[in-house]
């Protein structure tokens, strides 16, 4: 799945270039905010997932020149690792600290992404992060055909970032 071809035309870019930019954004956020420098990504996009088990999903909506949603889907075990690293202390249970940490990671990635949608980023506004977690849940946001989804590896655990952009 990918974002609409018309979007790439409007942005004056290609899917390959945008994917590279998003990969770089994610690497920078994880290096700076989470202290994870050995983040690996698959070079290919994957089909978006809608059903999750024992995960945490942090979402940031964006609106303005383009509308959509950026989602960060992380297994609970890895979410604890990320939160512990961000806070500089051991976090061993899913709590508000974990929600805040993942919400902030999603917010930082969305903040970087919006600059790929407009020259200075001011034409796109971000929502407050929302976080969902649980044993079993489903996320539905826009048409799966308009979704860019990338997989990443950290500590031999995979997590996913999905971006949905709506076209008028």
Foldseek 3Di string as FASTA:
>chain_A
DAADPVLCVVLVHDRLVLVVQLVVQLQVLCCPQQVDNPKAWDSDWDQDDWKDFQWKKKKKWKDFPWTWMKIKIGHNVVLQSSLCRRVVHHDDDDDVSSRVRNQVSSVSSVQSSCCSNDVRSPRMDMDRMDMDGDRMDTDDIDDSVNKTKIWMDDPNGIIMMIMGIDDD
